[in-house]
Amino acid sequence: MALQWRIVPGQTLLHRGWEDGCVLYNDLSGDTHLLTEHAMQLLLALRDGDIAPDELAAPELATVLETLAGLDLIERC
């Protein structure tokens, strides 16, 4: 069974980006994070339901997903 992830409920993903990365404000914790464009796109895809559970099980996403979970932006469901 593939791991399933979701945005932490209540998280609005307030962000600003440029070609090298993004700044994301976690409105639940008050923290601000510097993310890669890849990590921000993954968060937005999770929010919008544009990524399937089997895609989230891809080994190359594991580190990014664990990092985002460590920042309290996503959680396993």
PDB file of N, CA and C in Angstrom:
ATOM      1  N   MET A   1       0.840  -1.175   0.000  1.00  0.00           N
ATOM      2  CA  MET A   1       0.000   0.000   0.000  1.00  0.00           C
ATOM      3  C   MET A   1       0.891   1.247   0.000  1.00  0.00           C
ATOM      4  N   ALA A   2       0.538   2.215  -0.830  1.00  0.00           N
ATOM      5  CA  ALA A   2       1.317   3.440  -0.949  1.00  0.00           C
ATOM      6  C   ALA A   2       1.037   4.366   0.234  1.00  0.00           C
ATOM      7  N   LEU A   3       2.058   5.096   0.615  1.00  0.00           N
ATOM      8  CA  LEU A   3       1.883   6.094   1.664  1.00  0.00           C
ATOM      9  C   LEU A   3       1.003   7.217   1.139  1.00  0.00           C
ATOM     10  N   GLN A   4       0.176   7.752   1.996  1.00  0.00           N
ATOM     11  CA  GLN A   4      -0.649   8.889   1.616  1.00  0.00           C
ATOM     12  C   GLN A   4      -0.263  10.074   2.482  1.00  0.00           C
ATOM     13  N   TRP A   5      -0.201  11.213   1.879  1.00  0.00           N
ATOM     14  CA  TRP A   5       0.164  12.454   2.555  1.00  0.00           C
ATOM     15  C   TRP A   5      -0.890  13.498   2.279  1.00  0.00           C
ATOM     16  N   ARG A   6      -0.987  14.477   3.173  1.00  0.00           N
ATOM     17  CA  ARG A   6      -1.884  15.603   2.954  1.00  0.00           C
ATOM     18  C   ARG A   6      -1.276  16.839   3.605  1.00  0.00           C
ATOM     19  N   ILE A   7      -1.747  17.984   3.146  1.00  0.00           N
ATOM     20  CA  ILE A   7      -1.377  19.238   3.767  1.00  0.00           C
ATOM     21  C   ILE A   7      -1.982  19.244   5.171  1.00  0.00           C
ATOM     22  N   VAL A   8      -1.261  19.736   6.149  1.00  0.00           N
ATOM     23  CA  VAL A   8      -1.798  19.851   7.506  1.00  0.00           C
ATOM     24  C   VAL A   8      -3.070  20.705   7.436  1.00  0.00           C
ATOM     25  N   PRO A   9      -4.175  20.208   7.971  1.00  0.00           N
ATOM     26  CA  PRO A   9      -5.429  20.968   7.907  1.00  0.00           C
ATOM     27  C   PRO A   9      -5.269  22.386   8.459  1.00  0.00           C
ATOM     28  N   GLY A  10      -5.815  23.336   7.722  1.00  0.00           N
ATOM     29  CA  GLY A  10      -5.738  24.741   8.111  1.00  0.00           C
ATOM     30  C   GLY A  10      -4.578  25.494   7.488  1.00  0.00           C
ATOM     31  N   GLN A  11      -3.638  24.770   6.876  1.00  0.00           N
ATOM     32  CA  GLN A  11      -2.465  25.378   6.256  1.00  0.00           C
ATOM     33  C   GLN A  11      -2.882  26.022   4.928  1.00  0.00           C
ATOM     34  N   THR A  12      -2.540  27.292   4.737  1.00  0.00           N
ATOM     35  CA  THR A  12      -2.960  27.983   3.514  1.00  0.00           C
ATOM     36  C   THR A  12      -1.860  28.108   2.463  1.00  0.00           C
ATOM     37  N   LEU A  13      -0.641  27.745   2.787  1.00  0.00           N
ATOM     38  CA  LEU A  13       0.487  27.770   1.852  1.00  0.00           C
ATOM     39  C   LEU A  13       0.725  29.161   1.262  1.00  0.00           C
ATOM     40  N   LEU A  14       0.790  30.163   2.115  1.00  0.00           N
ATOM     41  CA  LEU A  14       1.115  31.511   1.667  1.00  0.00           C
ATOM     42  C   LEU A  14       2.576  31.527   1.239  1.00  0.00           C
ATOM     43  N   HIS A  15       2.832  31.871  -0.021  1.00  0.00           N
ATOM     44  CA  HIS A  15       4.200  31.803  -0.532  1.00  0.00           C
ATOM     45  C   HIS A  15       4.475  32.853  -1.598  1.00  0.00           C
ATOM     46  N   ARG A  16       5.739  33.093  -1.808  1.00  0.00           N
ATOM     47  CA  ARG A  16       6.245  33.928  -2.891  1.00  0.00           C
ATOM     48  C   ARG A  16       7.412  33.173  -3.496  1.00  0.00           C
ATOM     49  N   GLY A  17       7.479  33.174  -4.819  1.00  0.00           N
ATOM     50  CA  GLY A  17       8.540  32.419  -5.477  1.00  0.00           C
ATOM     51  C   GLY A  17       9.294  33.230  -6.503  1.00  0.00           C
ATOM     52  N   TRP A  18      10.413  32.712  -6.862  1.00  0.00           N
ATOM     53  CA  TRP A  18      11.247  33.226  -7.929  1.00  0.00           C
ATOM     54  C   TRP A  18      11.907  32.022  -8.564  1.00  0.00           C
ATOM     55  N   GLU A  19      12.742  32.199  -9.543  1.00  0.00           N
ATOM     56  CA  GLU A  19      13.255  31.047 -10.296  1.00  0.00           C
ATOM     57  C   GLU A  19      14.130  30.097  -9.489  1.00  0.00           C
ATOM     58  N   ASP A  20      14.724  30.543  -8.392  1.00  0.00           N
ATOM     59  CA  ASP A  20      15.600  29.676  -7.604  1.00  0.00           C
ATOM     60  C   ASP A  20      14.933  29.035  -6.390  1.00  0.00           C
ATOM     61  N   GLY A  21      13.723  29.448  -6.045  1.00  0.00           N
ATOM     62  CA  GLY A  21      13.082  28.877  -4.875  1.00  0.00           C
ATOM     63  C   GLY A  21      11.880  29.679  -4.438  1.00  0.00           C
ATOM     64  N   CYS A  22      11.411  29.377  -3.244  1.00  0.00           N
ATOM     65  CA  CYS A  22      10.209  30.004  -2.694  1.00  0.00           C
ATOM     66  C   CYS A  22      10.389  30.276  -1.209  1.00  0.00           C
ATOM     67  N   VAL A  23       9.692  31.286  -0.746  1.00  0.00           N
ATOM     68  CA  VAL A  23       9.562  31.540   0.675  1.00  0.00           C
ATOM     69  C   VAL A  23       8.120  31.200   1.028  1.00  0.00           C
ATOM     70  N   LEU A  24       7.951  30.377   2.041  1.00  0.00           N
ATOM     71  CA  LEU A  24       6.628  29.928   2.459  1.00  0.00           C
ATOM     72  C   LEU A  24       6.402  30.325   3.906  1.00  0.00           C
ATOM     73  N   TYR A  25       5.265  30.928   4.171  1.00  0.00           N
ATOM     74  CA  TYR A  25       4.886  31.278   5.538  1.00  0.00           C
ATOM     75  C   TYR A  25       3.924  30.210   6.050  1.00  0.00           C
ATOM     76  N   ASN A  26       4.284  29.575   7.153  1.00  0.00           N
ATOM     77  CA  ASN A  26       3.414  28.587   7.793  1.00  0.00           C
ATOM     78  C   ASN A  26       2.518  29.353   8.750  1.00  0.00           C
ATOM     79  N   ASP A  27       1.289  29.583   8.322  1.00  0.00           N
ATOM     80  CA  ASP A  27       0.390  30.401   9.124  1.00  0.00           C
ATOM     81  C   ASP A  27      -0.097  29.697  10.385  1.00  0.00           C
ATOM     82  N   LEU A  28       0.170  28.411  10.519  1.00  0.00           N
ATOM     83  CA  LEU A  28      -0.199  27.695  11.735  1.00  0.00           C
ATOM     84  C   LEU A  28       0.873  27.819  12.821  1.00  0.00           C
ATOM     85  N   SER A  29       2.148  27.801  12.411  1.00  0.00           N
ATOM     86  CA  SER A  29       3.237  27.884  13.392  1.00  0.00           C
ATOM     87  C   SER A  29       3.858  29.277  13.481  1.00  0.00           C
ATOM     88  N   GLY A  30       3.657  30.084  12.434  1.00  0.00           N
ATOM     89  CA  GLY A  30       4.289  31.398  12.383  1.00  0.00           C
ATOM     90  C   GLY A  30       5.695  31.361  11.812  1.00  0.00           C
ATOM     91  N   ASP A  31       6.148  30.178  11.390  1.00  0.00           N
ATOM     92  CA  ASP A  31       7.491  30.030  10.835  1.00  0.00           C
ATOM     93  C   ASP A  31       7.501  30.378   9.345  1.00  0.00           C
ATOM     94  N   THR A  32       8.652  30.836   8.872  1.00  0.00           N
ATOM     95  CA  THR A  32       8.873  31.093   7.455  1.00  0.00           C
ATOM     96  C   THR A  32       9.969  30.149   6.980  1.00  0.00           C
ATOM     97  N   HIS A  33       9.763  29.548   5.801  1.00  0.00           N
ATOM     98  CA  HIS A  33      10.696  28.547   5.289  1.00  0.00           C
ATOM     99  C   HIS A  33      11.157  28.910   3.888  1.00  0.00           C
ATOM    100  N   LEU A  34      12.409  28.632   3.585  1.00  0.00           N
ATOM    101  CA  LEU A  34      12.950  28.753   2.245  1.00  0.00           C
ATOM    102  C   LEU A  34      12.898  27.363   1.623  1.00  0.00           C
ATOM    103  N   LEU A  35      12.145  27.222   0.534  1.00  0.00           N
ATOM    104  CA  LEU A  35      11.965  25.920  -0.112  1.00  0.00           C
ATOM    105  C   LEU A  35      12.446  25.966  -1.548  1.00  0.00           C
ATOM    106  N   THR A  36      12.793  24.806  -2.062  1.00  0.00           N
ATOM    107  CA  THR A  36      13.096  24.708  -3.485  1.00  0.00           C
ATOM    108  C   THR A  36      11.793  24.795  -4.270  1.00  0.00           C
ATOM    109  N   GLU A  37      11.907  25.120  -5.530  1.00  0.00           N
ATOM    110  CA  GLU A  37      10.721  25.156  -6.397  1.00  0.00           C
ATOM    111  C   GLU A  37      10.060  23.781  -6.449  1.00  0.00           C
ATOM    112  N   HIS A  38      10.879  22.729  -6.465  1.00  0.00           N
ATOM    113  CA  HIS A  38      10.359  21.353  -6.488  1.00  0.00           C
ATOM    114  C   HIS A  38       9.509  21.068  -5.249  1.00  0.00           C
ATOM    115  N   ALA A  39       9.990  21.445  -4.076  1.00  0.00           N
ATOM    116  CA  ALA A  39       9.236  21.213  -2.841  1.00  0.00           C
ATOM    117  C   ALA A  39       7.929  22.000  -2.837  1.00  0.00           C
ATOM    118  N   MET A  40       7.971  23.237  -3.333  1.00  0.00           N
ATOM    119  CA  MET A  40       6.752  24.052  -3.367  1.00  0.00           C
ATOM    120  C   MET A  40       5.741  23.459  -4.340  1.00  0.00           C
ATOM    121  N   GLN A  41       6.196  23.002  -5.485  1.00  0.00           N
ATOM    122  CA  GLN A  41       5.291  22.378  -6.454  1.00  0.00           C
ATOM    123  C   GLN A  41       4.657  21.117  -5.877  1.00  0.00           C
ATOM    124  N   LEU A  42       5.424  20.363  -5.105  1.00  0.00           N
ATOM    125  CA  LEU A  42       4.890  19.166  -4.456  1.00  0.00           C
ATOM    126  C   LEU A  42       3.804  19.543  -3.446  1.00  0.00           C
ATOM    127  N   LEU A  43       4.040  20.573  -2.651  1.00  0.00           N
ATOM    128  CA  LEU A  43       3.026  21.037  -1.702  1.00  0.00           C
ATOM    129  C   LEU A  43       1.747  21.468  -2.417  1.00  0.00           C
ATOM    130  N   LEU A  44       1.901  22.220  -3.489  1.00  0.00           N
ATOM    131  CA  LEU A  44       0.726  22.685  -4.230  1.00  0.00           C
ATOM    132  C   LEU A  44      -0.021  21.517  -4.874  1.00  0.00           C
ATOM    133  N   ALA A  45       0.713  20.527  -5.361  1.00  0.00           N
ATOM    134  CA  ALA A  45       0.069  19.345  -5.941  1.00  0.00           C
ATOM    135  C   ALA A  45      -0.695  18.562  -4.877  1.00  0.00           C
ATOM    136  N   LEU A  46      -0.132  18.451  -3.684  1.00  0.00           N
ATOM    137  CA  LEU A  46      -0.842  17.795  -2.582  1.00  0.00           C
ATOM    138  C   LEU A  46      -2.116  18.563  -2.226  1.00  0.00           C
ATOM    139  N   ARG A  47      -1.991  19.867  -2.142  1.00  0.00           N
ATOM    140  CA  ARG A  47      -3.153  20.704  -1.815  1.00  0.00           C
ATOM    141  C   ARG A  47      -4.273  20.536  -2.845  1.00  0.00           C
ATOM    142  N   ASP A  48      -3.887  20.500  -4.112  1.00  0.00           N
ATOM    143  CA  ASP A  48      -4.867  20.468  -5.199  1.00  0.00           C
ATOM    144  C   ASP A  48      -5.312  19.061  -5.578  1.00  0.00           C
ATOM    145  N   GLY A  49      -4.725  18.037  -4.939  1.00  0.00           N
ATOM    146  CA  GLY A  49      -5.080  16.663  -5.263  1.00  0.00           C
ATOM    147  C   GLY A  49      -4.578  16.214  -6.625  1.00  0.00           C
ATOM    148  N   ASP A  50      -3.502  16.836  -7.098  1.00  0.00           N
ATOM    149  CA  ASP A  50      -2.959  16.542  -8.418  1.00  0.00           C
ATOM    150  C   ASP A  50      -1.867  15.478  -8.422  1.00  0.00           C
ATOM    151  N   ILE A  51      -1.708  14.761  -7.326  1.00  0.00           N
ATOM    152  CA  ILE A  51      -0.665  13.739  -7.258  1.00  0.00           C
ATOM    153  C   ILE A  51      -1.258  12.488  -6.618  1.00  0.00           C
ATOM    154  N   ALA A  52      -1.049  11.382  -7.281  1.00  0.00           N
ATOM    155  CA  ALA A  52      -1.635  10.112  -6.840  1.00  0.00           C
ATOM    156  C   ALA A  52      -0.795   9.490  -5.728  1.00  0.00           C
ATOM    157  N   PRO A  53      -1.443   8.692  -4.860  1.00  0.00           N
ATOM    158  CA  PRO A  53      -0.711   8.030  -3.775  1.00  0.00           C
ATOM    159  C   PRO A  53       0.477   7.200  -4.260  1.00  0.00           C
ATOM    160  N   ASP A  54       0.354   6.527  -5.414  1.00  0.00           N
ATOM    161  CA  ASP A  54       1.479   5.727  -5.905  1.00  0.00           C
ATOM    162  C   ASP A  54       2.644   6.611  -6.344  1.00  0.00           C
ATOM    163  N   GLU A  55       2.363   7.820  -6.820  1.00  0.00           N
ATOM    164  CA  GLU A  55       3.431   8.759  -7.164  1.00  0.00           C
ATOM    165  C   GLU A  55       4.172   9.217  -5.905  1.00  0.00           C
ATOM    166  N   LEU A  56       3.438   9.365  -4.805  1.00  0.00           N
ATOM    167  CA  LEU A  56       4.054   9.797  -3.554  1.00  0.00           C
ATOM    168  C   LEU A  56       4.967   8.733  -2.959  1.00  0.00           C
ATOM    169  N   ALA A  57       4.826   7.496  -3.411  1.00  0.00           N
ATOM    170  CA  ALA A  57       5.658   6.410  -2.916  1.00  0.00           C
ATOM    171  C   ALA A  57       7.004   6.339  -3.651  1.00  0.00           C
ATOM    172  N   ALA A  58       7.203   7.197  -4.647  1.00  0.00           N
ATOM    173  CA  ALA A  58       8.448   7.180  -5.408  1.00  0.00           C
ATOM    174  C   ALA A  58       9.626   7.493  -4.486  1.00  0.00           C
ATOM    175  N   PRO A  59      10.684   6.677  -4.545  1.00  0.00           N
ATOM    176  CA  PRO A  59      11.843   6.870  -3.644  1.00  0.00           C
ATOM    177  C   PRO A  59      12.458   8.268  -3.719  1.00  0.00           C
ATOM    178  N   GLU A  60      12.462   8.870  -4.900  1.00  0.00           N
ATOM    179  CA  GLU A  60      13.078  10.191  -5.031  1.00  0.00           C
ATOM    180  C   GLU A  60      12.280  11.294  -4.317  1.00  0.00           C
ATOM    181  N   LEU A  61      11.052  11.018  -3.927  1.00  0.00           N
ATOM    182  CA  LEU A  61      10.263  11.993  -3.180  1.00  0.00           C
ATOM    183  C   LEU A  61      10.344  11.805  -1.668  1.00  0.00           C
ATOM    184  N   ALA A  62      10.862  10.687  -1.226  1.00  0.00           N
ATOM    185  CA  ALA A  62      10.857  10.355   0.200  1.00  0.00           C
ATOM    186  C   ALA A  62      11.531  11.421   1.060  1.00  0.00           C
ATOM    187  N   THR A  63      12.691  11.891   0.667  1.00  0.00           N
ATOM    188  CA  THR A  63      13.411  12.888   1.453  1.00  0.00           C
ATOM    189  C   THR A  63      12.655  14.206   1.498  1.00  0.00           C
ATOM    190  N   VAL A  64      12.121  14.622   0.366  1.00  0.00           N
ATOM    191  CA  VAL A  64      11.361  15.878   0.311  1.00  0.00           C
ATOM    192  C   VAL A  64      10.123  15.780   1.197  1.00  0.00           C
ATOM    193  N   LEU A  65       9.395  14.673   1.104  1.00  0.00           N
ATOM    194  CA  LEU A  65       8.190  14.487   1.916  1.00  0.00           C
ATOM    195  C   LEU A  65       8.518  14.481   3.404  1.00  0.00           C
ATOM    196  N   GLU A  66       9.579  13.793   3.799  1.00  0.00           N
ATOM    197  CA  GLU A  66       9.964  13.758   5.209  1.00  0.00           C
ATOM    198  C   GLU A  66      10.400  15.140   5.704  1.00  0.00           C
ATOM    199  N   THR A  67      11.081  15.893   4.852  1.00  0.00           N
ATOM    200  CA  THR A  67      11.486  17.254   5.220  1.00  0.00           C
ATOM    201  C   THR A  67      10.259  18.141   5.421  1.00  0.00           C
ATOM    202  N   LEU A  68       9.302  18.062   4.496  1.00  0.00           N
ATOM    203  CA  LEU A  68       8.083  18.859   4.618  1.00  0.00           C
ATOM    204  C   LEU A  68       7.280  18.459   5.854  1.00  0.00           C
ATOM    205  N   ALA A  69       7.286  17.174   6.177  1.00  0.00           N
ATOM    206  CA  ALA A  69       6.602  16.707   7.390  1.00  0.00           C
ATOM    207  C   ALA A  69       7.309  17.246   8.632  1.00  0.00           C
ATOM    208  N   GLY A  70       8.632  17.285   8.600  1.00  0.00           N
ATOM    209  CA  GLY A  70       9.398  17.814   9.719  1.00  0.00           C
ATOM    210  C   GLY A  70       9.168  19.299   9.949  1.00  0.00           C
ATOM    211  N   LEU A  71       8.732  20.000   8.902  1.00  0.00           N
ATOM    212  CA  LEU A  71       8.406  21.425   9.014  1.00  0.00           C
ATOM    213  C   LEU A  71       6.938  21.633   9.382  1.00  0.00           C
ATOM    214  N   ASP A  72       6.235  20.538   9.635  1.00  0.00           N
ATOM    215  CA  ASP A  72       4.797  20.562   9.988  1.00  0.00           C
ATOM    216  C   ASP A  72       3.936  21.173   8.887  1.00  0.00           C
ATOM    217  N   LEU A  73       4.320  20.938   7.635  1.00  0.00           N
ATOM    218  CA  LEU A  73       3.530  21.415   6.505  1.00  0.00           C
ATOM    219  C   LEU A  73       2.628  20.317   5.948  1.00  0.00           C
ATOM    220  N   ILE A  74       3.065  19.060   6.070  1.00  0.00           N
ATOM    221  CA  ILE A  74       2.271  17.924   5.625  1.00  0.00           C
ATOM    222  C   ILE A  74       2.267  16.858   6.706  1.00  0.00           C
ATOM    223  N   GLU A  75       1.353  15.912   6.548  1.00  0.00           N
ATOM    224  CA  GLU A  75       1.278  14.796   7.480  1.00  0.00           C
ATOM    225  C   GLU A  75       0.792  13.550   6.757  1.00  0.00           C
ATOM    226  N   ARG A  76       1.142  12.396   7.310  1.00  0.00           N
ATOM    227  CA  ARG A  76       0.622  11.133   6.771  1.00  0.00           C
ATOM    228  C   ARG A  76      -0.847  11.023   7.126  1.00  0.00           C
ATOM    229  N   CYS A  77      -1.584  10.414   6.226  1.00  0.00           N
ATOM    230  CA  CYS A  77      -3.012  10.212   6.513  1.00  0.00           C
ATOM    231  C   CYS A  77      -3.406   8.773   6.200  1.00  0.00           C
TER     232      CYS A  77
END
